Every structure is written in structure tokens, then in C-alpha cells.
């Protein structure tokens, strides 16, 4: 089972398993004698790195669940210890003004990324694998990379306008520009919706790097980051979000998942229907729903905002 995990997941597991072998952390405790108190003490000793602490608990739960049927252990002490609370950081949804700004000013492949991320609610590692072969009827098929060992592909319904736009990508090249080039360059891949200026398939890290370069290296990208930080600080102050504004310094690709979930909620879908349509747990959808009454993510909200502003002008 371990060898079927991705290389990144195996690496994360190995970091935690080396920590399990560290006698200074755990002491010489027999597996059957490992109690929730010992696990909790180890967790609390990692409070300065809460993400790694929670990762340790997750790996422990998985290993002990594997060990119990083989009679290596009787109970799972990790099940009784709660995760540490972690600020949202990378999960803030994109409000409508950010979506419109990116659509108007970002590089064309990133505009596609934004649209595909919102309408499918999938992570970057799945967006980069999507192509025309996955389109079917009124939606698109997806088998998430991180959970593919335990689940099959599921069908994500798309609105008619989104389906038409995605189908247009299957026939339209992306025109890339660069100040170092004599003229724009067109690239086209019939198997993918997202690809680099070289026509290569993105990796998850490569897509994040591309997004980061636009944010850091372009005037529009830097402007968006400044406005984003100001907006997040205002939201934290107004709604008392459990987010450190210094951590949320730019909109993230992962935040598009929350954006898409909220967009579906704005259209009137219930939590269970959203969870079923986008392959997300009900718990995760509810986690994003706390933003529901505090921001608009849909284009209709942006249009209403423009109408109000036009009426205010003398």
C-alpha cells in the first residue's frame, strides 16, 4: 500500500516515521503500551510546527489502522487525540473582484487555470491533467491524484457557459507573449487544457511557480497582492477571521477550490449536493461555507456591485 502512494506522500510519511523511531521523542514505549496521553504529549511538543504535528497524528492513525488487523496493536491511540488548530492561510476563497482582475490582466494560461479551478473545485495537481478526453455530456470526469488509491473517477457537472468555454480551449491555441520575443508565440495541445509557454505539461510545482512569477514579476501581479493583503486585513478585522493577514499575502491556487464551492452555494445548491458534485467531503464544504455570507465570488455579485457604483455617481 505504501509503494502505491505518490513520491511526495511517501517522503512525508518517511519524515514522520523517522520521528516515531526517535527515542528522545517517544521513549522506549512498546506499541501495545502507547497511550493517547503519550501521543498528545508528543503532539504538544510540536506546537511550533502545527502542520507537522497534525501530519504526525494522521500518519500514526494510518499505521495503527494497518497494524490492528494484523494483531500488532489492539487500539489506535492516535484516534483519541485531536489535531491542532491551524489558520486557514492557503484556503481563503477568491472574491469576485479578484476573479475579474485575474481574468482581465493575468497571462492566458493562468486565466484558464482560474476558470478551470473555480468550475471544477479541484486542486492544481488535478487541473494540470485535465483535457478533452475527460469531457463528457454536461460535465468533466476527474479522479483526484491524492485520493486515487481509494476512489474512482467522478463526474463534475458544469454550467452550460463553462462547458462551452472549456470546449473552446480544446480547439484554440494559447497565445503567449514575452518582452524578449520578437512576436507572440502560439502553443496548442489537443490533450490538455493547461500547458506552459513551451507547450509542456505543467507539474503541480511548475504551475504554482508560474502563478508566483506573475504575482511577483509583473506590475499587475504586485498590485493584486497589495490589494489582496489590504482586503484580507479588512475582512479579518470586520469578521474576526482566524487568519493572520501576514500569512495570506496573495490569492492561492488552492483557494480556487473554496471559490468554486461558494459559487455553487450562491447558485442555490445545498452542502450535500456540492460535496457530491465536486468530490469533496461534507466537512470540507462546510469549512468553506463560513465565508458564504461574508463575500461574493460569483460574477453576478460583481455585476451588482458595478450597478450600485454607477448609481452613486453624480
Protein backbone atom coordinates (compact mmCIF):
# COMPACT_ATOMS: atom_id res chain seq x y z
CA UNK A 1 0.00 0.00 0.00
CA UNK A 2 2.83 2.39 0.83
CA UNK A 3 4.51 1.90 -2.56
CA UNK A 4 1.30 2.94 -4.34
CA UNK A 5 1.41 6.39 -2.74
CA UNK A 6 2.89 9.34 -4.64
CA UNK A 7 6.59 10.08 -4.14
CA UNK A 8 5.75 13.27 -2.23
CA UNK A 9 3.40 11.43 0.14
CA UNK A 10 5.97 8.69 0.74
CA UNK A 11 8.55 11.35 1.59
CA UNK A 12 6.18 12.99 4.08
CA UNK A 13 5.43 9.63 5.68
CA UNK A 14 9.11 8.83 5.99
CA UNK A 15 9.78 12.10 7.86
CA UNK A 16 7.12 11.17 10.40
CA UNK A 17 8.20 7.54 10.67
CA UNK A 18 11.75 8.66 11.44
CA UNK A 19 10.24 10.77 14.20
CA UNK A 20 8.48 7.66 15.55
CA UNK A 21 11.89 5.97 15.72
CA UNK A 22 13.34 8.87 17.71
CA UNK A 23 13.56 7.57 21.29
CA UNK A 24 14.10 11.08 22.66
CA UNK A 25 10.61 11.99 21.46
CA UNK A 26 8.73 8.81 22.29
CA UNK A 27 10.89 6.91 24.73
CA UNK A 28 11.14 3.14 24.62
CA UNK A 29 7.38 2.53 24.51
CA UNK A 30 6.01 -0.78 23.27
CA UNK A 31 3.36 -0.49 20.56
CA UNK A 32 0.67 -2.04 22.76
CA UNK A 33 1.55 0.36 25.60
CA UNK A 34 1.32 3.56 23.53
CA UNK A 35 -1.44 5.59 25.14
CA UNK A 36 -3.36 8.70 23.98
CA UNK A 37 -1.56 10.69 26.70
CA UNK A 38 1.84 9.83 25.22
CA UNK A 39 0.64 10.74 21.73
CA UNK A 40 -0.85 14.01 22.99
CA UNK A 41 2.41 14.87 24.77
CA UNK A 42 4.33 14.29 21.54
CA UNK A 43 1.81 16.42 19.64
CA UNK A 44 2.11 19.27 22.16
CA UNK A 45 5.88 19.11 21.85
CA UNK A 46 5.44 20.06 18.18
CA UNK A 47 3.16 23.07 18.71
CA UNK A 48 5.65 25.36 16.99
CA UNK A 49 5.10 23.38 13.77
CA UNK A 50 1.36 22.58 13.90
CA UNK A 51 1.19 21.32 10.31
CA UNK A 52 3.85 18.69 11.05
CA UNK A 53 2.16 17.85 14.35
CA UNK A 54 -1.11 17.12 12.57
CA UNK A 55 0.76 15.20 9.88
CA UNK A 56 2.28 13.06 12.62
CA UNK A 57 -1.19 12.28 14.01
CA UNK A 58 -2.52 11.42 10.54
CA UNK A 59 0.37 9.06 9.77
CA UNK A 60 0.03 7.47 13.20
CA UNK A 61 -3.67 6.82 12.66
CA UNK A 62 -2.93 5.22 9.29
CA UNK A 63 -0.13 2.97 10.56
CA UNK A 64 -2.08 1.81 13.60
CA UNK A 65 -5.17 1.11 11.47
CA UNK A 66 -2.93 -1.08 9.33
CA UNK A 67 -1.41 -2.79 12.39
CA UNK A 68 -4.60 -3.67 14.30
CA UNK A 69 -5.97 -6.30 11.85
CA UNK A 70 -2.52 -7.94 11.90
CA UNK A 71 -2.66 -8.08 15.72
CA UNK A 72 0.42 -5.85 16.10
CA UNK A 73 -1.75 -3.45 18.13
CA UNK A 74 -5.08 -3.62 19.94
CA UNK A 75 -6.29 0.01 19.84
CA UNK A 76 -5.40 3.16 17.94
CA UNK A 77 -4.24 5.81 20.46
CA UNK A 78 -4.00 8.44 17.70
CA UNK A 79 -7.78 8.36 17.21
CA UNK A 80 -8.29 9.93 20.65
CA UNK A 81 -6.02 12.95 20.04
CA UNK A 82 -7.36 15.98 18.19
CA UNK A 83 -5.46 17.92 15.55
CA UNK A 84 -4.04 21.31 16.46
CA UNK A 85 -5.93 24.32 15.12
CA UNK A 86 -4.22 25.87 12.11
CA UNK A 87 -5.04 29.23 10.49
CA UNK A 88 -6.52 28.91 7.00
CA UNK A 89 -3.63 30.61 5.17
CA UNK A 90 -3.89 28.92 1.78
CA UNK A 91 -7.65 28.39 1.71
CA UNK A 92 -9.11 31.90 1.50
CA UNK A 93 -11.62 31.99 -1.39
CA UNK A 94 -11.16 34.49 -4.18
CA UNK A 95 -13.84 37.22 -4.09
CA UNK A 96 -15.41 38.39 -7.34
CA UNK A 97 -13.08 41.39 -7.70
CA UNK A 98 -10.01 39.12 -7.68
CA UNK A 99 -11.56 36.77 -10.24
CA UNK A 100 -12.33 39.70 -12.54
CA UNK A 101 -8.86 41.20 -12.06
CA UNK A 102 -7.09 37.95 -12.94
CA UNK A 103 -9.37 37.37 -15.90
CA UNK A 104 -8.56 40.83 -17.24
CA UNK A 105 -4.81 41.01 -16.56
CA UNK A 106 -3.17 37.61 -15.97
CA UNK A 107 -1.25 35.54 -18.52
CA UNK A 108 -3.68 33.49 -20.69
CA UNK A 109 -2.74 30.10 -19.27
CA UNK A 110 -3.37 31.44 -15.76
CA UNK A 111 -6.75 32.80 -16.85
CA UNK A 112 -7.61 29.27 -17.94
CA UNK A 113 -6.30 27.93 -14.62
CA UNK A 114 -8.56 30.29 -12.68
CA UNK A 115 -11.66 29.36 -14.69
CA UNK A 116 -10.98 25.62 -14.56
CA UNK A 117 -10.21 25.74 -10.83
CA UNK A 118 -13.48 27.51 -9.99
CA UNK A 119 -15.77 25.37 -12.13
CA UNK A 120 -14.25 22.02 -11.09
CA UNK A 121 -13.15 22.82 -7.50
CA UNK A 122 -10.09 20.58 -7.89
CA UNK A 123 -6.50 21.05 -6.75
CA UNK A 124 -3.68 22.20 -9.01
CA UNK A 125 -2.31 18.66 -9.28
CA UNK A 126 -5.60 17.62 -10.92
CA UNK A 127 -6.15 20.72 -13.07
CA UNK A 128 -2.88 20.10 -14.91
CA UNK A 129 -4.04 16.62 -16.00
CA UNK A 130 -7.44 17.64 -17.38
CA UNK A 131 -8.06 17.55 -21.11
CA UNK A 132 -10.75 17.00 -23.75
CA UNK A 133 -10.76 13.23 -23.17
CA UNK A 134 -12.25 13.88 -19.72
CA UNK A 135 -15.20 15.95 -21.05
CA UNK A 136 -18.46 14.05 -21.18
CA UNK A 137 -22.08 15.18 -21.52
CA UNK A 138 -22.67 18.22 -19.28
CA UNK A 139 -19.53 17.84 -17.20
CA UNK A 140 -15.99 16.57 -16.81
CA UNK A 141 -14.55 13.42 -15.23
CA UNK A 142 -11.88 13.60 -12.55
CA UNK A 143 -10.00 11.10 -10.43
CA UNK A 144 -8.08 13.19 -7.86
CA UNK A 145 -4.42 12.31 -7.68
CA UNK A 146 -4.21 12.47 -3.88
CA UNK A 147 -7.14 10.10 -3.29
CA UNK A 148 -6.98 7.90 -6.38
CA UNK A 149 -5.87 4.87 -4.37
CA UNK A 150 -9.23 4.78 -2.60
CA UNK A 151 -11.71 6.27 -5.06
CA UNK A 152 -12.71 6.09 -8.70
CA UNK A 153 -13.37 8.89 -11.15
CA UNK A 154 -16.45 11.04 -10.56
CA UNK A 155 -18.39 13.30 -12.90
CA UNK A 156 -18.37 17.05 -12.12
CA UNK A 157 -21.41 18.85 -13.59
CA UNK A 158 -20.65 22.10 -15.43
CA UNK A 159 -22.83 25.09 -16.24
CA UNK A 160 -23.56 25.44 -19.96
CA UNK A 161 -21.39 28.57 -20.32
CA UNK A 162 -18.45 26.89 -18.60
CA UNK A 163 -18.76 23.75 -20.72
CA UNK A 164 -18.80 25.86 -23.90
CA UNK A 165 -15.71 27.79 -22.80
CA UNK A 166 -13.77 24.65 -21.91
CA UNK A 167 -14.71 23.05 -25.24
CA UNK A 168 -13.38 26.15 -26.99
CA UNK A 169 -9.99 25.55 -25.31
CA UNK A 170 -9.85 22.12 -26.96
CA UNK A 171 -9.72 23.85 -30.36
CA UNK A 172 -7.95 27.14 -29.56
CA UNK A 173 -4.20 27.68 -29.06
CA UNK A 174 -2.88 29.85 -26.25
CA UNK A 175 -1.04 32.97 -27.39
CA UNK A 176 1.94 33.66 -25.14
CA UNK A 177 3.85 36.95 -25.12
CA UNK A 178 7.20 37.94 -23.70
CA UNK A 179 9.21 41.16 -23.97
CA UNK A 180 12.22 39.10 -25.04
CA UNK A 181 10.39 37.59 -28.02
CA UNK A 182 10.12 39.25 -31.42
CA UNK A 183 6.45 38.33 -31.65
CA UNK A 184 3.79 36.39 -29.72
CA UNK A 185 4.01 32.60 -29.83
CA UNK A 186 1.01 30.30 -30.20
CA UNK A 187 1.03 26.92 -28.49
CA UNK A 188 -1.58 24.21 -28.72
CA UNK A 189 -2.04 20.78 -27.15
CA UNK A 190 -5.02 18.67 -28.06
CA UNK A 191 -4.67 16.55 -24.91
CA UNK A 192 -4.54 19.26 -22.22
CA UNK A 193 -6.32 22.46 -21.23
CA UNK A 194 -3.31 23.90 -19.35
CA UNK A 195 0.26 23.94 -20.65
CA UNK A 196 3.36 26.10 -20.47
CA UNK A 197 4.72 28.65 -22.99
CA UNK A 198 6.92 25.80 -24.26
CA UNK A 199 3.89 23.62 -24.80
CA UNK A 200 4.93 21.32 -21.94
CA UNK A 201 2.60 19.81 -19.38
CA UNK A 202 2.81 21.55 -16.04
CA UNK A 203 3.76 19.83 -12.83
CA UNK A 204 1.92 20.98 -9.69
CA UNK A 205 5.06 22.81 -8.55
CA UNK A 206 5.55 24.27 -12.02
CA UNK A 207 2.03 25.69 -12.09
CA UNK A 208 2.49 27.26 -8.65
CA UNK A 209 5.80 28.73 -9.80
CA UNK A 210 4.18 30.17 -12.92
CA UNK A 211 1.44 31.76 -10.79
CA UNK A 212 4.05 33.07 -8.35
CA UNK A 213 6.09 34.63 -11.17
CA UNK A 214 3.09 36.55 -12.47
CA UNK A 215 2.32 37.82 -8.97
CA UNK A 216 5.92 38.82 -8.21
CA UNK A 217 7.32 39.89 -11.56
CA UNK A 218 4.50 41.90 -13.13
CA UNK A 219 3.10 45.28 -12.16
CA UNK A 220 -0.46 43.95 -12.23
CA UNK A 221 0.50 40.94 -10.13
CA UNK A 222 2.16 43.08 -7.47
CA UNK A 223 -0.84 45.40 -7.45
CA UNK A 224 -3.14 42.44 -6.88
CA UNK A 225 -1.00 41.27 -3.94
CA UNK A 226 -1.15 44.70 -2.31
CA UNK A 227 -4.91 44.93 -2.72
CA UNK A 228 -5.34 41.34 -1.56
CA UNK A 229 -3.44 41.98 1.69
CA UNK A 230 -5.47 45.11 2.36
CA UNK A 231 -8.69 43.23 1.67
CA UNK A 232 -7.77 40.27 3.89
CA UNK A 233 -6.79 42.63 6.72
CA UNK A 234 -10.18 44.35 6.40
CA UNK A 235 -12.03 41.01 6.39
CA UNK A 236 -10.10 39.80 9.45
CA UNK A 237 -10.95 42.98 11.32
CA UNK A 238 -14.61 43.02 10.28
CA UNK A 239 -15.46 39.34 10.63
CA UNK A 240 -12.72 38.24 13.07
CA UNK A 241 -11.40 35.56 10.73
CA UNK A 242 -8.92 33.17 12.30
CA UNK A 243 -6.31 34.19 9.72
CA UNK A 244 -3.03 36.04 10.12
CA UNK A 245 -3.03 38.75 7.41
CA UNK A 246 0.76 38.47 7.18
CA UNK A 247 0.38 34.83 6.12
CA UNK A 248 -2.32 35.46 3.49
CA UNK A 249 -0.16 37.64 1.26
CA UNK A 250 -1.61 36.54 -2.09
CA UNK A 251 -4.52 34.53 -3.53
CA UNK A 252 -3.53 30.88 -3.88
CA UNK A 253 -4.41 28.23 -6.43
CA UNK A 254 -5.82 26.09 -3.63
CA UNK A 255 -8.18 28.94 -2.74
CA UNK A 256 -9.99 28.32 -6.05
CA UNK A 257 -11.49 25.16 -4.56
CA UNK A 258 -13.23 27.22 -1.90
CA UNK A 259 -14.23 29.79 -4.52
CA UNK A 260 -15.92 27.13 -6.61
CA UNK A 261 -17.77 25.68 -3.63
CA UNK A 262 -19.07 29.12 -2.65
CA UNK A 263 -20.07 29.86 -6.25
CA UNK A 264 -22.23 26.74 -6.25
CA UNK A 265 -23.74 27.78 -2.91
CA UNK A 266 -24.59 31.20 -4.38
CA UNK A 267 -26.45 29.37 -7.14
CA UNK A 268 -28.64 27.70 -4.51
CA UNK A 269 -27.02 24.28 -4.14
CA UNK A 270 -27.06 22.65 -0.70
CA UNK A 271 -23.91 21.42 1.04
CA UNK A 272 -24.57 17.74 0.34
CA UNK A 273 -25.17 18.39 -3.36
CA UNK A 274 -21.98 20.47 -3.62
CA UNK A 275 -19.97 17.77 -1.87
CA UNK A 276 -21.35 15.11 -4.21
CA UNK A 277 -20.79 17.16 -7.37
CA UNK A 278 -17.18 18.15 -6.71
CA UNK A 279 -15.98 15.05 -4.85
CA UNK A 280 -15.27 16.89 -1.61
CA UNK A 281 -16.18 15.74 1.88
CA UNK A 282 -19.15 17.40 3.53
CA UNK A 283 -16.84 18.55 6.31
CA UNK A 284 -14.58 20.41 3.88
CA UNK A 285 -17.51 22.05 2.11
CA UNK A 286 -18.92 23.21 5.45
CA UNK A 287 -15.44 24.53 6.31
CA UNK A 288 -15.65 26.84 3.30
CA UNK A 289 -19.29 27.76 3.91
CA UNK A 290 -18.35 30.00 6.84
CA UNK A 291 -17.30 32.54 4.20
CA UNK A 292 -20.70 32.27 2.50
CA UNK A 293 -22.34 35.40 3.90
CA UNK A 294 -19.13 37.44 4.06
CA UNK A 295 -18.11 37.63 0.39
CA UNK A 296 -19.40 37.24 -3.13
CA UNK A 297 -17.46 35.08 -5.53
CA UNK A 298 -19.85 34.89 -8.48
CA UNK A 299 -19.90 37.20 -11.48
CA UNK A 300 -23.47 38.22 -10.69
CA UNK A 301 -22.22 39.76 -7.46
CA UNK A 302 -19.62 41.70 -9.44
CA UNK A 303 -22.28 42.99 -11.84
CA UNK A 304 -24.48 44.12 -8.96
CA UNK A 305 -21.51 45.94 -7.46
CA UNK A 306 -20.93 47.82 -10.71
CA UNK A 307 -24.59 48.83 -10.91
CA UNK A 308 -24.55 50.21 -7.37
CA UNK A 309 -21.41 52.19 -8.05
CA UNK A 310 -22.78 53.63 -11.29
CA UNK A 311 -25.91 54.78 -9.48
CA UNK A 312 -23.79 56.53 -6.85
CA UNK A 313 -22.01 58.67 -9.44
CA UNK A 314 -23.34 62.25 -9.82
